[in-house]
Amino acid sequence: MEPSECAKRVYIAGPIKGMENGNRESFLTYARELARLGYTPVNPWDIKPSHDGPCIGLEVEHGDGTHRYGCYLRADIEVLMHCDAFTLMPGWTNSVGATTEMKVALAIGIPRIVLRMESE
């Protein structure tokens, strides 16, 4: 998929939980590469849950401590549904969130972009 003026928001799916510093540096590396290629990267680290109801999902708190894991995943999927494509980072198969995001994207017809990173 080549970037165009109408279709270029690319969601980055990858492992966060259990990774050093939440894998932030790898997400930033992928975002920089997507931007270099002319895409608009969508980094889940930039997505914050916002809801009025109770927190949902796993009991373990995640992120800033005010929301639970399910709150973040729900917000991420909501943003993903408005993207034009997605990409998967190494380790995504070990991530419940990234696996869920990939399945949702494919189910609703969002194409995958495969990035060849030098470090892989």
PDB file of N, CA and C in Angstrom:
ATOM      1  N   MET A   1       0.857  -1.185   0.000  1.00  0.00           N
ATOM      2  CA  MET A   1       0.000   0.000   0.000  1.00  0.00           C
ATOM      3  C   MET A   1       0.892   1.233   0.000  1.00  0.00           C
ATOM      4  N   GLU A   2       0.716   2.071  -0.974  1.00  0.00           N
ATOM      5  CA  GLU A   2       1.475   3.319  -1.064  1.00  0.00           C
ATOM      6  C   GLU A   2       0.699   4.443  -0.399  1.00  0.00           C
ATOM      7  N   PRO A   3       1.407   5.372   0.251  1.00  0.00           N
ATOM      8  CA  PRO A   3       0.680   6.487   0.887  1.00  0.00           C
ATOM      9  C   PRO A   3       0.041   7.382  -0.159  1.00  0.00           C
ATOM     10  N   SER A   4      -1.112   7.920   0.188  1.00  0.00           N
ATOM     11  CA  SER A   4      -1.768   8.893  -0.667  1.00  0.00           C
ATOM     12  C   SER A   4      -2.342   9.964   0.240  1.00  0.00           C
ATOM     13  N   GLU A   5      -2.879  11.007  -0.357  1.00  0.00           N
ATOM     14  CA  GLU A   5      -3.423  12.089   0.460  1.00  0.00           C
ATOM     15  C   GLU A   5      -4.661  11.655   1.233  1.00  0.00           C
ATOM     16  N   CYS A   6      -5.393  10.654   0.734  1.00  0.00           N
ATOM     17  CA  CYS A   6      -6.625  10.242   1.393  1.00  0.00           C
ATOM     18  C   CYS A   6      -6.458   9.031   2.305  1.00  0.00           C
ATOM     19  N   ALA A   7      -5.465   8.213   2.070  1.00  0.00           N
ATOM     20  CA  ALA A   7      -5.359   6.970   2.828  1.00  0.00           C
ATOM     21  C   ALA A   7      -3.939   6.768   3.314  1.00  0.00           C
ATOM     22  N   LYS A   8      -3.684   7.220   4.557  1.00  0.00           N
ATOM     23  CA  LYS A   8      -2.326   7.010   5.015  1.00  0.00           C
ATOM     24  C   LYS A   8      -2.141   6.898   6.529  1.00  0.00           C
ATOM     25  N   ARG A   9      -3.189   6.851   7.307  1.00  0.00           N
ATOM     26  CA  ARG A   9      -3.032   6.672   8.760  1.00  0.00           C
ATOM     27  C   ARG A   9      -2.759   5.196   9.045  1.00  0.00           C
ATOM     28  N   VAL A  10      -1.609   4.907   9.657  1.00  0.00           N
ATOM     29  CA  VAL A  10      -1.206   3.524   9.907  1.00  0.00           C
ATOM     30  C   VAL A  10      -1.061   3.287  11.405  1.00  0.00           C
ATOM     31  N   TYR A  11      -1.840   2.338  11.914  1.00  0.00           N
ATOM     32  CA  TYR A  11      -1.819   1.975  13.326  1.00  0.00           C
ATOM     33  C   TYR A  11      -0.660   1.016  13.583  1.00  0.00           C
ATOM     34  N   ILE A  12       0.084   1.254  14.655  1.00  0.00           N
ATOM     35  CA  ILE A  12       1.206   0.397  15.030  1.00  0.00           C
ATOM     36  C   ILE A  12       0.755  -0.530  16.154  1.00  0.00           C
ATOM     37  N   ALA A  13       0.766  -1.828  15.910  1.00  0.00           N
ATOM     38  CA  ALA A  13       0.383  -2.824  16.920  1.00  0.00           C
ATOM     39  C   ALA A  13       1.622  -3.595  17.341  1.00  0.00           C
ATOM     40  N   GLY A  14       1.801  -3.704  18.639  1.00  0.00           N
ATOM     41  CA  GLY A  14       2.957  -4.434  19.142  1.00  0.00           C
ATOM     42  C   GLY A  14       2.862  -4.642  20.635  1.00  0.00           C
ATOM     43  N   PRO A  15       3.816  -5.387  21.191  1.00  0.00           N
ATOM     44  CA  PRO A  15       3.781  -5.684  22.616  1.00  0.00           C
ATOM     45  C   PRO A  15       4.165  -4.482  23.469  1.00  0.00           C
ATOM     46  N   ILE A  16       3.459  -4.319  24.580  1.00  0.00           N
ATOM     47  CA  ILE A  16       3.757  -3.266  25.559  1.00  0.00           C
ATOM     48  C   ILE A  16       4.002  -3.903  26.926  1.00  0.00           C
ATOM     49  N   LYS A  17       3.018  -4.654  27.389  1.00  0.00           N
ATOM     50  CA  LYS A  17       3.089  -5.252  28.729  1.00  0.00           C
ATOM     51  C   LYS A  17       4.271  -6.216  28.821  1.00  0.00           C
ATOM     52  N   GLY A  18       5.022  -6.067  29.892  1.00  0.00           N
ATOM     53  CA  GLY A  18       6.158  -6.944  30.132  1.00  0.00           C
ATOM     54  C   GLY A  18       7.424  -6.549  29.388  1.00  0.00           C
ATOM     55  N   MET A  19       7.363  -5.508  28.592  1.00  0.00           N
ATOM     56  CA  MET A  19       8.533  -5.050  27.836  1.00  0.00           C
ATOM     57  C   MET A  19       9.214  -3.915  28.602  1.00  0.00           C
ATOM     58  N   GLU A  20      10.529  -3.826  28.465  1.00  0.00           N
ATOM     59  CA  GLU A  20      11.256  -2.748  29.119  1.00  0.00           C
ATOM     60  C   GLU A  20      10.718  -1.399  28.658  1.00  0.00           C
ATOM     61  N   ASN A  21      10.376  -0.546  29.630  1.00  0.00           N
ATOM     62  CA  ASN A  21       9.813   0.783  29.364  1.00  0.00           C
ATOM     63  C   ASN A  21       8.593   0.708  28.442  1.00  0.00           C
ATOM     64  N   GLY A  22       7.864  -0.402  28.519  1.00  0.00           N
ATOM     65  CA  GLY A  22       6.662  -0.546  27.708  1.00  0.00           C
ATOM     66  C   GLY A  22       6.920  -0.576  26.217  1.00  0.00           C
ATOM     67  N   ASN A  23       8.180  -0.852  25.823  1.00  0.00           N
ATOM     68  CA  ASN A  23       8.536  -0.942  24.398  1.00  0.00           C
ATOM     69  C   ASN A  23       8.381   0.394  23.666  1.00  0.00           C
ATOM     70  N   ARG A  24       8.398   1.472  24.425  1.00  0.00           N
ATOM     71  CA  ARG A  24       8.178   2.801  23.830  1.00  0.00           C
ATOM     72  C   ARG A  24       9.160   3.132  22.704  1.00  0.00           C
ATOM     73  N   GLU A  25      10.436   2.810  22.907  1.00  0.00           N
ATOM     74  CA  GLU A  25      11.444   3.160  21.899  1.00  0.00           C
ATOM     75  C   GLU A  25      11.173   2.453  20.573  1.00  0.00           C
ATOM     76  N   SER A  26      10.753   1.189  20.633  1.00  0.00           N
ATOM     77  CA  SER A  26      10.436   0.464  19.396  1.00  0.00           C
ATOM     78  C   SER A  26       9.224   1.078  18.702  1.00  0.00           C
ATOM     79  N   PHE A  27       8.219   1.473  19.483  1.00  0.00           N
ATOM     80  CA  PHE A  27       7.056   2.140  18.889  1.00  0.00           C
ATOM     81  C   PHE A  27       7.479   3.445  18.206  1.00  0.00           C
ATOM     82  N   LEU A  28       8.365   4.190  18.839  1.00  0.00           N
ATOM     83  CA  LEU A  28       8.850   5.443  18.242  1.00  0.00           C
ATOM     84  C   LEU A  28       9.655   5.169  16.977  1.00  0.00           C
ATOM     85  N   THR A  29      10.445   4.101  16.975  1.00  0.00           N
ATOM     86  CA  THR A  29      11.219   3.739  15.785  1.00  0.00           C
ATOM     87  C   THR A  29      10.283   3.412  14.622  1.00  0.00           C
ATOM     88  N   TYR A  30       9.247   2.653  14.888  1.00  0.00           N
ATOM     89  CA  TYR A  30       8.268   2.328  13.845  1.00  0.00           C
ATOM     90  C   TYR A  30       7.545   3.596  13.372  1.00  0.00           C
ATOM     91  N   ALA A  31       7.202   4.462  14.293  1.00  0.00           N
ATOM     92  CA  ALA A  31       6.520   5.711  13.922  1.00  0.00           C
ATOM     93  C   ALA A  31       7.416   6.563  13.021  1.00  0.00           C
ATOM     94  N   ARG A  32       8.686   6.649  13.363  1.00  0.00           N
ATOM     95  CA  ARG A  32       9.620   7.438  12.527  1.00  0.00           C
ATOM     96  C   ARG A  32       9.739   6.848  11.126  1.00  0.00           C
ATOM     97  N   GLU A  33       9.815   5.516  11.040  1.00  0.00           N
ATOM     98  CA  GLU A  33       9.938   4.871   9.728  1.00  0.00           C
ATOM     99  C   GLU A  33       8.670   5.081   8.897  1.00  0.00           C
ATOM    100  N   LEU A  34       7.510   4.951   9.507  1.00  0.00           N
ATOM    101  CA  LEU A  34       6.269   5.210   8.783  1.00  0.00           C
ATOM    102  C   LEU A  34       6.213   6.647   8.285  1.00  0.00           C
ATOM    103  N   ALA A  35       6.599   7.588   9.120  1.00  0.00           N
ATOM    104  CA  ALA A  35       6.609   9.001   8.715  1.00  0.00           C
ATOM    105  C   ALA A  35       7.595   9.219   7.563  1.00  0.00           C
ATOM    106  N   ARG A  36       8.751   8.575   7.645  1.00  0.00           N
ATOM    107  CA  ARG A  36       9.754   8.709   6.578  1.00  0.00           C
ATOM    108  C   ARG A  36       9.197   8.205   5.237  1.00  0.00           C
ATOM    109  N   LEU A  37       8.354   7.195   5.299  1.00  0.00           N
ATOM    110  CA  LEU A  37       7.752   6.626   4.090  1.00  0.00           C
ATOM    111  C   LEU A  37       6.528   7.406   3.610  1.00  0.00           C
ATOM    112  N   GLY A  38       6.135   8.434   4.346  1.00  0.00           N
ATOM    113  CA  GLY A  38       5.015   9.274   3.919  1.00  0.00           C
ATOM    114  C   GLY A  38       3.691   8.951   4.582  1.00  0.00           C
ATOM    115  N   TYR A  39       3.689   8.028   5.523  1.00  0.00           N
ATOM    116  CA  TYR A  39       2.470   7.680   6.246  1.00  0.00           C
ATOM    117  C   TYR A  39       2.331   8.538   7.501  1.00  0.00           C
ATOM    118  N   THR A  40       1.145   8.555   8.053  1.00  0.00           N
ATOM    119  CA  THR A  40       0.904   9.192   9.343  1.00  0.00           C
ATOM    120  C   THR A  40       0.803   8.079  10.376  1.00  0.00           C
ATOM    121  N   PRO A  41       1.832   7.944  11.228  1.00  0.00           N
ATOM    122  CA  PRO A  41       1.803   6.862  12.203  1.00  0.00           C
ATOM    123  C   PRO A  41       0.800   7.127  13.317  1.00  0.00           C
ATOM    124  N   VAL A  42       0.150   6.057  13.774  1.00  0.00           N
ATOM    125  CA  VAL A  42      -0.764   6.126  14.906  1.00  0.00           C
ATOM    126  C   VAL A  42      -0.184   5.212  15.981  1.00  0.00           C
ATOM    127  N   ASN A  43       0.378   5.825  17.008  1.00  0.00           N
ATOM    128  CA  ASN A  43       1.088   5.120  18.066  1.00  0.00           C
ATOM    129  C   ASN A  43       0.154   4.936  19.262  1.00  0.00           C
ATOM    130  N   PRO A  44      -0.084   3.702  19.703  1.00  0.00           N
ATOM    131  CA  PRO A  44      -0.984   3.503  20.839  1.00  0.00           C
ATOM    132  C   PRO A  44      -0.523   4.208  22.117  1.00  0.00           C
ATOM    133  N   TRP A  45       0.753   4.522  22.232  1.00  0.00           N
ATOM    134  CA  TRP A  45       1.223   5.270  23.398  1.00  0.00           C
ATOM    135  C   TRP A  45       0.641   6.676  23.426  1.00  0.00           C
ATOM    136  N   ASP A  46       0.149   7.166  22.293  1.00  0.00           N
ATOM    137  CA  ASP A  46      -0.442   8.507  22.230  1.00  0.00           C
ATOM    138  C   ASP A  46      -1.948   8.496  22.456  1.00  0.00           C
ATOM    139  N   ILE A  47      -2.529   7.310  22.614  1.00  0.00           N
ATOM    140  CA  ILE A  47      -3.977   7.176  22.764  1.00  0.00           C
ATOM    141  C   ILE A  47      -4.301   7.033  24.251  1.00  0.00           C
ATOM    142  N   LYS A  48      -5.138   7.917  24.737  1.00  0.00           N
ATOM    143  CA  LYS A  48      -5.520   7.883  26.151  1.00  0.00           C
ATOM    144  C   LYS A  48      -7.011   7.571  26.262  1.00  0.00           C
ATOM    145  N   PRO A  49      -7.370   6.661  27.151  1.00  0.00           N
ATOM    146  CA  PRO A  49      -8.792   6.366  27.342  1.00  0.00           C
ATOM    147  C   PRO A  49      -9.518   7.569  27.933  1.00  0.00           C
ATOM    148  N   SER A  50     -10.721   7.761  27.488  1.00  0.00           N
ATOM    149  CA  SER A  50     -11.557   8.811  28.082  1.00  0.00           C
ATOM    150  C   SER A  50     -12.986   8.297  28.090  1.00  0.00           C
ATOM    151  N   HIS A  51     -13.477   8.040  29.263  1.00  0.00           N
ATOM    152  CA  HIS A  51     -14.846   7.571  29.402  1.00  0.00           C
ATOM    153  C   HIS A  51     -15.362   7.981  30.765  1.00  0.00           C
ATOM    154  N   ASP A  52     -16.668   8.049  30.874  1.00  0.00           N
ATOM    155  CA  ASP A  52     -17.298   8.457  32.118  1.00  0.00           C
ATOM    156  C   ASP A  52     -17.649   7.279  33.012  1.00  0.00           C
ATOM    157  N   GLY A  53     -17.792   6.116  32.429  1.00  0.00           N
ATOM    158  CA  GLY A  53     -18.217   4.952  33.203  1.00  0.00           C
ATOM    159  C   GLY A  53     -17.071   4.310  33.960  1.00  0.00           C
ATOM    160  N   PRO A  54     -17.350   3.174  34.565  1.00  0.00           N
ATOM    161  CA  PRO A  54     -16.315   2.480  35.331  1.00  0.00           C
ATOM    162  C   PRO A  54     -15.253   1.880  34.422  1.00  0.00           C
ATOM    163  N   CYS A  55     -14.075   1.675  34.974  1.00  0.00           N
ATOM    164  CA  CYS A  55     -13.011   1.019  34.223  1.00  0.00           C
ATOM    165  C   CYS A  55     -13.380  -0.436  33.999  1.00  0.00           C
ATOM    166  N   ILE A  56     -12.942  -0.955  32.870  1.00  0.00           N
ATOM    167  CA  ILE A  56     -13.306  -2.310  32.482  1.00  0.00           C
ATOM    168  C   ILE A  56     -12.067  -3.148  32.251  1.00  0.00           C
ATOM    169  N   GLY A  57     -12.246  -4.438  32.189  1.00  0.00           N
ATOM    170  CA  GLY A  57     -11.151  -5.310  31.818  1.00  0.00           C
ATOM    171  C   GLY A  57     -10.428  -5.899  33.004  1.00  0.00           C
ATOM    172  N   LEU A  58      -9.216  -6.318  32.761  1.00  0.00           N
ATOM    173  CA  LEU A  58      -8.415  -6.982  33.772  1.00  0.00           C
ATOM    174  C   LEU A  58      -8.275  -6.123  35.016  1.00  0.00           C
ATOM    175  N   GLU A  59      -8.173  -6.776  36.150  1.00  0.00           N
ATOM    176  CA  GLU A  59      -8.060  -6.066  37.420  1.00  0.00           C
ATOM    177  C   GLU A  59      -6.727  -5.335  37.565  1.00  0.00           C
ATOM    178  N   VAL A  60      -5.719  -5.763  36.833  1.00  0.00           N
ATOM    179  CA  VAL A  60      -4.408  -5.137  36.949  1.00  0.00           C
ATOM    180  C   VAL A  60      -4.449  -3.747  36.328  1.00  0.00           C
ATOM    181  N   GLU A  61      -4.019  -2.753  37.088  1.00  0.00           N
ATOM    182  CA  GLU A  61      -3.977  -1.393  36.554  1.00  0.00           C
ATOM    183  C   GLU A  61      -2.870  -1.295  35.524  1.00  0.00           C
ATOM    184  N   HIS A  62      -3.022  -0.422  34.587  1.00  0.00           N
ATOM    185  CA  HIS A  62      -2.107  -0.288  33.461  1.00  0.00           C
ATOM    186  C   HIS A  62      -1.877   1.193  33.204  1.00  0.00           C
ATOM    187  N   GLY A  63      -0.740   1.523  32.683  1.00  0.00           N
ATOM    188  CA  GLY A  63      -0.484   2.912  32.295  1.00  0.00           C
ATOM    189  C   GLY A  63      -0.352   3.837  33.482  1.00  0.00           C
ATOM    190  N   ASP A  64      -1.168   4.861  33.526  1.00  0.00           N
ATOM    191  CA  ASP A  64      -1.036   5.898  34.555  1.00  0.00           C
ATOM    192  C   ASP A  64      -1.716   5.531  35.872  1.00  0.00           C
ATOM    193  N   GLY A  65      -2.279   4.352  35.967  1.00  0.00           N
ATOM    194  CA  GLY A  65      -2.885   3.896  37.210  1.00  0.00           C
ATOM    195  C   GLY A  65      -4.343   4.288  37.383  1.00  0.00           C
ATOM    196  N   THR A  66      -4.881   5.107  36.500  1.00  0.00           N
ATOM    197  CA  THR A  66      -6.275   5.511  36.629  1.00  0.00           C
ATOM    198  C   THR A  66      -7.205   4.654  35.784  1.00  0.00           C
ATOM    199  N   HIS A  67      -6.652   3.916  34.833  1.00  0.00           N
ATOM    200  CA  HIS A  67      -7.445   3.054  33.963  1.00  0.00           C
ATOM    201  C   HIS A  67      -6.885   1.647  34.006  1.00  0.00           C
ATOM    202  N   ARG A  68      -7.723   0.708  33.653  1.00  0.00           N
ATOM    203  CA  ARG A  68      -7.299  -0.681  33.565  1.00  0.00           C
ATOM    204  C   ARG A  68      -6.982  -1.029  32.124  1.00  0.00           C
ATOM    205  N   TYR A  69      -6.392  -2.175  31.955  1.00  0.00           N
ATOM    206  CA  TYR A  69      -5.952  -2.631  30.639  1.00  0.00           C
ATOM    207  C   TYR A  69      -7.068  -2.553  29.598  1.00  0.00           C
ATOM    208  N   GLY A  70      -8.258  -3.014  29.972  1.00  0.00           N
ATOM    209  CA  GLY A  70      -9.373  -3.006  29.025  1.00  0.00           C
ATOM    210  C   GLY A  70      -9.740  -1.619  28.542  1.00  0.00           C
ATOM    211  N   CYS A  71      -9.551  -0.618  29.389  1.00  0.00           N
ATOM    212  CA  CYS A  71      -9.834   0.769  28.990  1.00  0.00           C
ATOM    213  C   CYS A  71      -8.910   1.193  27.856  1.00  0.00           C
ATOM    214  N   TYR A  72      -7.629   0.849  27.990  1.00  0.00           N
ATOM    215  CA  TYR A  72      -6.654   1.203  26.957  1.00  0.00           C
ATOM    216  C   TYR A  72      -6.928   0.449  25.667  1.00  0.00           C
ATOM    217  N   LEU A  73      -7.196  -0.852  25.766  1.00  0.00           N
ATOM    218  CA  LEU A  73      -7.439  -1.639  24.560  1.00  0.00           C
ATOM    219  C   LEU A  73      -8.689  -1.153  23.839  1.00  0.00           C
ATOM    220  N   ARG A  74      -9.726  -0.815  24.570  1.00  0.00           N
ATOM    221  CA  ARG A  74     -10.954  -0.304  23.949  1.00  0.00           C
ATOM    222  C   ARG A  74     -10.680   1.006  23.215  1.00  0.00           C
ATOM    223  N   ALA A  75      -9.922   1.914  23.834  1.00  0.00           N
ATOM    224  CA  ALA A  75      -9.582   3.190  23.193  1.00  0.00           C
ATOM    225  C   ALA A  75      -8.723   2.958  21.953  1.00  0.00           C
ATOM    226  N   ASP A  76      -7.776   2.024  22.056  1.00  0.00           N
ATOM    227  CA  ASP A  76      -6.905   1.721  20.911  1.00  0.00           C
ATOM    228  C   ASP A  76      -7.712   1.193  19.738  1.00  0.00           C
ATOM    229  N   ILE A  77      -8.625   0.267  20.002  1.00  0.00           N
ATOM    230  CA  ILE A  77      -9.425  -0.319  18.922  1.00  0.00           C
ATOM    231  C   ILE A  77     -10.335   0.730  18.291  1.00  0.00           C
ATOM    232  N   GLU A  78     -10.854   1.622  19.103  1.00  0.00           N
ATOM    233  CA  GLU A  78     -11.692   2.697  18.554  1.00  0.00           C
ATOM    234  C   GLU A  78     -10.903   3.546  17.551  1.00  0.00           C
ATOM    235  N   VAL A  79      -9.664   3.866  17.885  1.00  0.00           N
ATOM    236  CA  VAL A  79      -8.814   4.645  16.972  1.00  0.00           C
ATOM    237  C   VAL A  79      -8.425   3.802  15.762  1.00  0.00           C
ATOM    238  N   LEU A  80      -8.056   2.538  15.985  1.00  0.00           N
ATOM    239  CA  LEU A  80      -7.683   1.631  14.899  1.00  0.00           C
ATOM    240  C   LEU A  80      -8.761   1.579  13.826  1.00  0.00           C
ATOM    241  N   MET A  81     -10.023   1.582  14.227  1.00  0.00           N
ATOM    242  CA  MET A  81     -11.121   1.469  13.273  1.00  0.00           C
ATOM    243  C   MET A  81     -11.197   2.650  12.305  1.00  0.00           C
ATOM    244  N   HIS A  82     -10.481   3.719  12.595  1.00  0.00           N
ATOM    245  CA  HIS A  82     -10.467   4.885  11.710  1.00  0.00           C
ATOM    246  C   HIS A  82      -9.138   5.027  10.973  1.00  0.00           C
ATOM    247  N   CYS A  83      -8.310   3.990  11.023  1.00  0.00           N
ATOM    248  CA  CYS A  83      -7.037   4.008  10.313  1.00  0.00           C
ATOM    249  C   CYS A  83      -7.189   3.345   8.948  1.00  0.00           C
ATOM    250  N   ASP A  84      -6.229   3.638   8.090  1.00  0.00           N
ATOM    251  CA  ASP A  84      -6.263   3.121   6.718  1.00  0.00           C
ATOM    252  C   ASP A  84      -5.474   1.832   6.559  1.00  0.00           C
ATOM    253  N   ALA A  85      -4.581   1.561   7.514  1.00  0.00           N
ATOM    254  CA  ALA A  85      -3.748   0.365   7.477  1.00  0.00           C
ATOM    255  C   ALA A  85      -3.187   0.143   8.876  1.00  0.00           C
ATOM    256  N   PHE A  86      -2.538  -1.001   9.052  1.00  0.00           N
ATOM    257  CA  PHE A  86      -1.873  -1.274  10.321  1.00  0.00           C
ATOM    258  C   PHE A  86      -0.564  -2.001  10.037  1.00  0.00           C
ATOM    259  N   THR A  87       0.328  -1.983  11.012  1.00  0.00           N
ATOM    260  CA  THR A  87       1.572  -2.732  10.917  1.00  0.00           C
ATOM    261  C   THR A  87       1.801  -3.435  12.245  1.00  0.00           C
ATOM    262  N   LEU A  88       2.546  -4.524  12.200  1.00  0.00           N
ATOM    263  CA  LEU A  88       2.812  -5.323  13.387  1.00  0.00           C
ATOM    264  C   LEU A  88       4.300  -5.290  13.726  1.00  0.00           C
ATOM    265  N   MET A  89       4.596  -5.087  14.989  1.00  0.00           N
ATOM    266  CA  MET A  89       5.970  -5.077  15.463  1.00  0.00           C
ATOM    267  C   MET A  89       6.376  -6.485  15.886  1.00  0.00           C
ATOM    268  N   PRO A  90       7.678  -6.753  15.956  1.00  0.00           N
ATOM    269  CA  PRO A  90       8.123  -8.060  16.456  1.00  0.00           C
ATOM    270  C   PRO A  90       7.563  -8.323  17.853  1.00  0.00           C
ATOM    271  N   GLY A  91       7.217  -9.559  18.114  1.00  0.00           N
ATOM    272  CA  GLY A  91       6.676  -9.941  19.405  1.00  0.00           C
ATOM    273  C   GLY A  91       5.165  -9.808  19.509  1.00  0.00           C
ATOM    274  N   TRP A  92       4.521  -9.386  18.430  1.00  0.00           N
ATOM    275  CA  TRP A  92       3.078  -9.146  18.487  1.00  0.00           C
ATOM    276  C   TRP A  92       2.304 -10.415  18.819  1.00  0.00           C
ATOM    277  N   THR A  93       2.832 -11.584  18.430  1.00  0.00           N
ATOM    278  CA  THR A  93       2.109 -12.833  18.698  1.00  0.00           C
ATOM    279  C   THR A  93       2.048 -13.156  20.187  1.00  0.00           C
ATOM    280  N   ASN A  94       2.926 -12.558  20.979  1.00  0.00           N
ATOM    281  CA  ASN A  94       2.932 -12.773  22.430  1.00  0.00           C
ATOM    282  C   ASN A  94       2.118 -11.716  23.167  1.00  0.00           C
ATOM    283  N   SER A  95       1.451 -10.846  22.441  1.00  0.00           N
ATOM    284  CA  SER A  95       0.700  -9.743  23.028  1.00  0.00           C
ATOM    285  C   SER A  95      -0.798  -9.937  22.795  1.00  0.00           C
ATOM    286  N   VAL A  96      -1.549 -10.019  23.881  1.00  0.00           N
ATOM    287  CA  VAL A  96      -3.006 -10.142  23.755  1.00  0.00           C
ATOM    288  C   VAL A  96      -3.567  -8.929  23.024  1.00  0.00           C
ATOM    289  N   GLY A  97      -3.089  -7.734  23.365  1.00  0.00           N
ATOM    290  CA  GLY A  97      -3.597  -6.512  22.742  1.00  0.00           C
ATOM    291  C   GLY A  97      -3.303  -6.457  21.253  1.00  0.00           C
ATOM    292  N   ALA A  98      -2.047  -6.696  20.865  1.00  0.00           N
ATOM    293  CA  ALA A  98      -1.673  -6.627  19.449  1.00  0.00           C
ATOM    294  C   ALA A  98      -2.384  -7.710  18.638  1.00  0.00           C
ATOM    295  N   THR A  99      -2.527  -8.894  19.218  1.00  0.00           N
ATOM    296  CA  THR A  99      -3.237  -9.969  18.527  1.00  0.00           C
ATOM    297  C   THR A  99      -4.704  -9.587  18.317  1.00  0.00           C
ATOM    298  N   THR A 100      -5.304  -9.004  19.328  1.00  0.00           N
ATOM    299  CA  THR A 100      -6.696  -8.552  19.217  1.00  0.00           C
ATOM    300  C   THR A 100      -6.817  -7.459  18.164  1.00  0.00           C
ATOM    301  N   GLU A 101      -5.900  -6.500  18.188  1.00  0.00           N
ATOM    302  CA  GLU A 101      -5.930  -5.406  17.201  1.00  0.00           C
ATOM    303  C   GLU A 101      -5.783  -5.941  15.784  1.00  0.00           C
ATOM    304  N   MET A 102      -4.884  -6.915  15.587  1.00  0.00           N
ATOM    305  CA  MET A 102      -4.694  -7.504  14.261  1.00  0.00           C
ATOM    306  C   MET A 102      -5.974  -8.187  13.790  1.00  0.00           C
ATOM    307  N   LYS A 103      -6.606  -8.942  14.679  1.00  0.00           N
ATOM    308  CA  LYS A 103      -7.841  -9.647  14.303  1.00  0.00           C
ATOM    309  C   LYS A 103      -8.963  -8.673  13.958  1.00  0.00           C
ATOM    310  N   VAL A 104      -9.091  -7.614  14.741  1.00  0.00           N
ATOM    311  CA  VAL A 104     -10.116  -6.602  14.449  1.00  0.00           C
ATOM    312  C   VAL A 104      -9.832  -5.948  13.099  1.00  0.00           C
ATOM    313  N   ALA A 105      -8.585  -5.551  12.885  1.00  0.00           N
ATOM    314  CA  ALA A 105      -8.226  -4.885  11.627  1.00  0.00           C
ATOM    315  C   ALA A 105      -8.553  -5.771  10.423  1.00  0.00           C
ATOM    316  N   LEU A 106      -8.148  -7.024  10.470  1.00  0.00           N
ATOM    317  CA  LEU A 106      -8.417  -7.926   9.350  1.00  0.00           C
ATOM    318  C   LEU A 106      -9.906  -8.190   9.174  1.00  0.00           C
ATOM    319  N   ALA A 107     -10.628  -8.302  10.282  1.00  0.00           N
ATOM    320  CA  ALA A 107     -12.069  -8.568  10.214  1.00  0.00           C
ATOM    321  C   ALA A 107     -12.837  -7.442   9.549  1.00  0.00           C
ATOM    322  N   ILE A 108     -12.373  -6.208   9.714  1.00  0.00           N
ATOM    323  CA  ILE A 108     -13.099  -5.084   9.111  1.00  0.00           C
ATOM    324  C   ILE A 108     -12.428  -4.575   7.834  1.00  0.00           C
ATOM    325  N   GLY A 109     -11.426  -5.303   7.347  1.00  0.00           N
ATOM    326  CA  GLY A 109     -10.840  -5.006   6.046  1.00  0.00           C
ATOM    327  C   GLY A 109      -9.736  -3.965   6.033  1.00  0.00           C
ATOM    328  N   ILE A 110      -9.093  -3.729   7.163  1.00  0.00           N
ATOM    329  CA  ILE A 110      -7.962  -2.794   7.187  1.00  0.00           C
ATOM    330  C   ILE A 110      -6.719  -3.568   6.751  1.00  0.00           C
ATOM    331  N   PRO A 111      -6.034  -3.119   5.704  1.00  0.00           N
ATOM    332  CA  PRO A 111      -4.870  -3.857   5.207  1.00  0.00           C
ATOM    333  C   PRO A 111      -3.641  -3.700   6.104  1.00  0.00           C
ATOM    334  N   ARG A 112      -2.762  -4.682   6.015  1.00  0.00           N
ATOM    335  CA  ARG A 112      -1.515  -4.669   6.773  1.00  0.00           C
ATOM    336  C   ARG A 112      -0.374  -4.162   5.903  1.00  0.00           C
ATOM    337  N   ILE A 113       0.464  -3.336   6.503  1.00  0.00           N
ATOM    338  CA  ILE A 113       1.709  -2.891   5.881  1.00  0.00           C
ATOM    339  C   ILE A 113       2.838  -3.608   6.594  1.00  0.00           C
ATOM    340  N   VAL A 114       3.695  -4.276   5.850  1.00  0.00           N
ATOM    341  CA  VAL A 114       4.835  -4.964   6.447  1.00  0.00           C
ATOM    342  C   VAL A 114       6.049  -4.068   6.294  1.00  0.00           C
ATOM    343  N   LEU A 115       6.618  -3.672   7.435  1.00  0.00           N
ATOM    344  CA  LEU A 115       7.829  -2.862   7.428  1.00  0.00           C
ATOM    345  C   LEU A 115       9.029  -3.766   7.618  1.00  0.00           C
ATOM    346  N   ARG A 116      10.073  -3.542   6.842  1.00  0.00           N
ATOM    347  CA  ARG A 116      11.334  -4.273   6.989  1.00  0.00           C
ATOM    348  C   ARG A 116      12.287  -3.354   7.724  1.00  0.00           C
ATOM    349  N   MET A 117      12.456  -3.633   9.007  1.00  0.00           N
ATOM    350  CA  MET A 117      13.325  -2.809   9.830  1.00  0.00           C
ATOM    351  C   MET A 117      14.709  -3.444   9.877  1.00  0.00           C
ATOM    352  N   GLU A 118      15.767  -2.634   9.882  1.00  0.00           N
ATOM    353  CA  GLU A 118      17.130  -3.153   9.873  1.00  0.00           C
ATOM    354  C   GLU A 118      17.450  -4.001  11.082  1.00  0.00           C
ATOM    355  N   SER A 119      16.858  -3.679  12.236  1.00  0.00           N
ATOM    356  CA  SER A 119      17.169  -4.390  13.475  1.00  0.00           C
ATOM    357  C   SER A 119      16.480  -5.744  13.576  1.00  0.00           C
ATOM    358  N   GLU A 120      15.616  -6.080  12.639  1.00  0.00           N
ATOM    359  CA  GLU A 120      14.868  -7.349  12.708  1.00  0.00           C
ATOM    360  C   GLU A 120      15.588  -8.447  11.970  1.00  0.00           C
TER     361      GLU A 120
END
